[in-house]
Amino acid sequence: MKRTAQVASAAGLVALTASCMTPQPPGPGDGYLCCNMRTDGSWISDGNYLESGKTMIPFGSPVTFRSFGDYRVNVEVNGRRQSIGNDYSRDLAMEVFARRYIVKDDPRPKVAAAPEKIRRAIESARVTTGMTREQVITAVGYPMSSENPHLDSSPWKFWLWSFSRFDVHFDGDGRVVKVDGDDETLKMAYLP
């Protein structure tokens, strides 16, 4: 009788544990960083703020997917552990969020084939007129989905930090026609 109770108790514990565990979604695999992203050394926020002490990890850097955490994608970039934080795009499933930032195809060849002004803008993490939506993403990252739920809309809203917003306007063909913001923000976010 005692043995039967132990077996039933163990079976119940296994069932309870299994019901409490949330299976991890499949990861995006290894690839390349989609875009220029700023890190404090171990944390990359999807806000991609230009803050003191942050350094730029350039687009096309090799990325190794490690795991998912609480609203984060744990990766290794250029041999260093980083977490890409889903701070402002939590309406996206974590796998979808991860696939935004870890791309299969290296974006560097496309950037190398772009006109010089667009290449300079991307390499300096700024936006310029004539860019495609994909080129804007490569330059400054994805717009926060909490503020930009549809990537086919215009304008896209970005922030260099909490109070330095700039808006990127697209024409019907999906090319940048105008970038709005205060003078100080535009000095850092826009290449005339």
Protein backbone atom coordinates (compact mmCIF):
# COMPACT_ATOMS: atom_id res chain seq x y z
CA MET A 1 0.00 0.00 0.00
CA LYS A 2 2.85 2.37 0.92
CA ARG A 3 4.62 1.64 -2.39
CA THR A 4 1.41 2.36 -4.37
CA ALA A 5 1.05 5.73 -2.62
CA GLN A 6 4.67 6.63 -3.40
CA VAL A 7 4.22 5.72 -7.08
CA ALA A 8 0.98 7.73 -7.28
CA SER A 9 2.65 10.67 -5.53
CA ALA A 10 5.63 10.55 -7.91
CA ALA A 11 3.35 10.30 -10.95
CA GLY A 12 1.35 13.27 -9.70
CA LEU A 13 4.54 15.31 -9.22
CA VAL A 14 5.69 14.47 -12.75
CA ALA A 15 2.30 15.49 -14.19
CA LEU A 16 2.25 18.71 -12.18
CA THR A 17 5.81 19.59 -13.21
CA ALA A 18 5.05 18.87 -16.86
CA SER A 19 1.92 21.03 -16.79
CA CYS A 20 3.86 23.97 -15.25
CA MET A 21 6.71 23.89 -17.74
CA THR A 22 6.30 26.11 -20.75
CA PRO A 23 8.06 24.60 -23.72
CA GLN A 24 10.67 26.85 -25.27
CA PRO A 25 9.91 27.89 -28.83
CA PRO A 26 12.49 26.79 -31.36
CA GLY A 27 15.32 29.26 -31.73
CA PRO A 28 16.21 31.08 -34.91
CA GLY A 29 19.54 29.29 -35.17
CA ASP A 30 22.82 31.01 -35.90
CA GLY A 31 23.18 33.86 -38.34
CA TYR A 32 24.03 37.54 -38.47
CA LEU A 33 22.94 40.64 -36.61
CA CYS A 34 20.37 42.37 -38.78
CA CYS A 35 21.31 45.87 -37.87
CA ASN A 36 23.48 48.23 -35.90
CA MET A 37 22.66 47.65 -32.23
CA ARG A 38 23.94 49.36 -29.10
CA THR A 39 25.06 47.36 -26.06
CA ASP A 40 26.10 48.17 -22.53
CA GLY A 41 28.43 45.18 -22.73
CA SER A 42 25.89 42.44 -22.13
CA TRP A 43 22.43 43.93 -22.82
CA ILE A 44 21.00 45.10 -26.16
CA SER A 45 17.56 46.70 -25.87
CA ASP A 46 15.16 46.76 -28.79
CA GLY A 47 14.87 50.48 -27.99
CA ASN A 48 18.46 50.75 -29.27
CA TYR A 49 19.04 53.97 -27.32
CA LEU A 50 22.21 55.99 -27.82
CA GLU A 51 23.20 56.29 -24.16
CA SER A 52 26.45 57.03 -22.38
CA GLY A 53 28.65 53.97 -22.03
CA LYS A 54 27.04 52.04 -24.86
CA THR A 55 29.00 50.77 -27.83
CA MET A 56 27.83 49.80 -31.29
CA ILE A 57 27.74 46.22 -32.52
CA PRO A 58 27.72 46.55 -36.31
CA PHE A 59 25.19 44.96 -38.64
CA GLY A 60 26.37 41.67 -40.09
CA SER A 61 28.21 40.59 -36.94
CA PRO A 62 28.07 36.80 -36.56
CA VAL A 63 25.46 35.70 -33.98
CA THR A 64 25.11 32.36 -32.22
CA PHE A 65 21.69 31.73 -30.68
CA ARG A 66 21.92 30.29 -27.14
CA SER A 67 18.47 30.36 -25.54
CA PHE A 68 15.36 32.33 -24.72
CA GLY A 69 14.94 34.00 -21.33
CA ASP A 70 12.27 36.25 -19.86
CA TYR A 71 11.67 38.68 -22.73
CA ARG A 72 15.21 38.19 -23.95
CA VAL A 73 17.12 36.33 -26.60
CA ASN A 74 20.44 35.08 -25.25
CA VAL A 75 23.12 35.06 -27.92
CA GLU A 76 26.82 35.21 -28.50
CA VAL A 77 28.05 38.01 -30.77
CA ASN A 78 31.69 38.13 -31.83
CA GLY A 79 32.52 35.70 -29.02
CA ARG A 80 30.75 37.76 -26.29
CA ARG A 81 27.54 36.79 -24.51
CA GLN A 82 24.73 39.30 -25.01
CA SER A 83 21.01 39.39 -24.32
CA ILE A 84 18.73 41.11 -26.81
CA GLY A 85 15.95 42.49 -24.66
CA ASN A 86 12.37 42.60 -25.84
CA ASP A 87 11.62 45.76 -23.87
CA TYR A 88 9.19 47.52 -26.23
CA SER A 89 7.94 44.86 -28.66
CA ARG A 90 6.26 42.43 -26.29
CA ASP A 91 3.27 42.00 -28.58
CA LEU A 92 5.59 39.87 -30.73
CA ALA A 93 6.16 36.18 -30.01
CA MET A 94 9.74 35.62 -28.86
CA GLU A 95 10.63 33.54 -31.92
CA VAL A 96 9.33 36.30 -34.22
CA PHE A 97 11.23 38.88 -32.17
CA ALA A 98 14.44 36.81 -32.35
CA ARG A 99 14.16 36.37 -36.11
CA ARG A 100 14.05 40.14 -36.53
CA TYR A 101 17.54 40.46 -35.07
CA ILE A 102 19.18 37.18 -36.05
CA VAL A 103 19.00 36.89 -39.83
CA LYS A 104 20.19 34.01 -41.98
CA ASP A 105 21.73 36.12 -44.74
CA ASP A 106 24.64 38.44 -44.03
CA PRO A 107 23.39 42.00 -44.73
CA ARG A 108 26.90 43.32 -45.52
CA PRO A 109 26.88 42.42 -49.25
CA LYS A 110 23.58 44.31 -49.77
CA VAL A 111 24.94 47.36 -47.97
CA ALA A 112 28.18 47.22 -50.00
CA ALA A 113 26.08 47.35 -53.20
CA ALA A 114 24.09 50.42 -52.07
CA PRO A 115 24.87 53.97 -53.22
CA GLU A 116 27.69 55.65 -51.29
CA LYS A 117 25.48 58.05 -49.30
CA ILE A 118 23.25 55.20 -48.13
CA ARG A 119 26.31 53.10 -47.21
CA ARG A 120 27.73 56.00 -45.17
CA ALA A 121 24.40 56.50 -43.40
CA ILE A 122 24.08 52.81 -42.50
CA GLU A 123 27.70 52.55 -41.35
CA SER A 124 27.20 55.60 -39.09
CA ALA A 125 23.83 54.35 -37.74
CA ARG A 126 21.89 57.21 -39.31
CA VAL A 127 19.00 57.55 -41.74
CA THR A 128 19.05 59.43 -45.05
CA THR A 129 16.56 60.13 -47.82
CA GLY A 130 16.22 57.46 -50.50
CA MET A 131 16.73 54.54 -48.10
CA THR A 132 14.41 51.54 -48.25
CA ARG A 133 12.68 50.27 -45.12
CA GLU A 134 15.19 47.41 -44.99
CA GLN A 135 18.09 49.89 -45.12
CA VAL A 136 16.58 51.96 -42.30
CA ILE A 137 16.34 48.80 -40.18
CA THR A 138 19.95 47.92 -40.97
CA ALA A 139 21.05 51.42 -39.96
CA VAL A 140 19.08 52.00 -36.75
CA GLY A 141 17.25 48.77 -35.89
CA TYR A 142 13.57 47.95 -35.90
CA PRO A 143 11.09 50.52 -34.69
CA MET A 144 9.45 49.49 -31.41
CA SER A 145 6.31 47.52 -32.24
CA SER A 146 4.53 49.10 -29.25
CA GLU A 147 4.67 52.39 -31.18
CA ASN A 148 4.84 51.00 -34.72
CA PRO A 149 2.58 47.93 -34.93
CA HIS A 150 2.62 47.84 -38.74
CA LEU A 151 5.92 47.95 -40.61
CA ASP A 152 4.17 49.04 -43.80
CA SER A 153 2.92 52.26 -42.16
CA SER A 154 4.49 55.72 -42.26
CA PRO A 155 6.03 57.34 -40.34
CA TRP A 156 8.15 55.04 -38.19
CA LYS A 157 8.83 56.48 -34.73
CA PHE A 158 12.29 56.07 -33.22
CA TRP A 159 14.06 57.47 -30.15
CA LEU A 160 17.76 58.12 -29.57
CA TRP A 161 16.80 58.11 -25.87
CA SER A 162 13.59 58.64 -23.94
CA PHE A 163 12.95 62.25 -25.01
CA SER A 164 14.72 62.44 -28.39
CA ARG A 165 12.22 61.18 -30.91
CA PHE A 166 12.66 61.22 -34.66
CA ASP A 167 10.14 60.15 -37.28
CA VAL A 168 11.08 58.51 -40.57
CA HIS A 169 8.56 59.15 -43.38
CA PHE A 170 8.27 56.88 -46.42
CA ASP A 171 6.75 57.43 -49.84
CA GLY A 172 4.45 54.95 -51.62
CA ASP A 173 7.45 52.96 -52.83
CA GLY A 174 8.77 52.52 -49.29
CA ARG A 175 11.67 54.96 -49.56
CA VAL A 176 12.58 57.63 -47.02
CA VAL A 177 11.38 61.07 -48.10
CA LYS A 178 11.74 62.97 -44.83
CA VAL A 179 13.08 62.64 -41.28
CA ASP A 180 11.56 64.84 -38.55
CA GLY A 181 12.96 65.66 -35.13
CA ASP A 182 14.57 68.43 -33.14
CA ASP A 183 17.89 69.82 -34.40
CA GLU A 184 20.05 68.03 -31.80
CA THR A 185 18.42 64.67 -32.48
CA LEU A 186 18.70 65.06 -36.24
CA LYS A 187 22.44 65.80 -35.96
CA MET A 188 22.88 62.28 -34.59
CA ALA A 189 20.11 60.40 -36.43
CA TYR A 190 20.03 61.91 -39.93
CA LEU A 191 22.62 62.17 -42.69
CA PRO A 192 21.64 65.11 -44.95
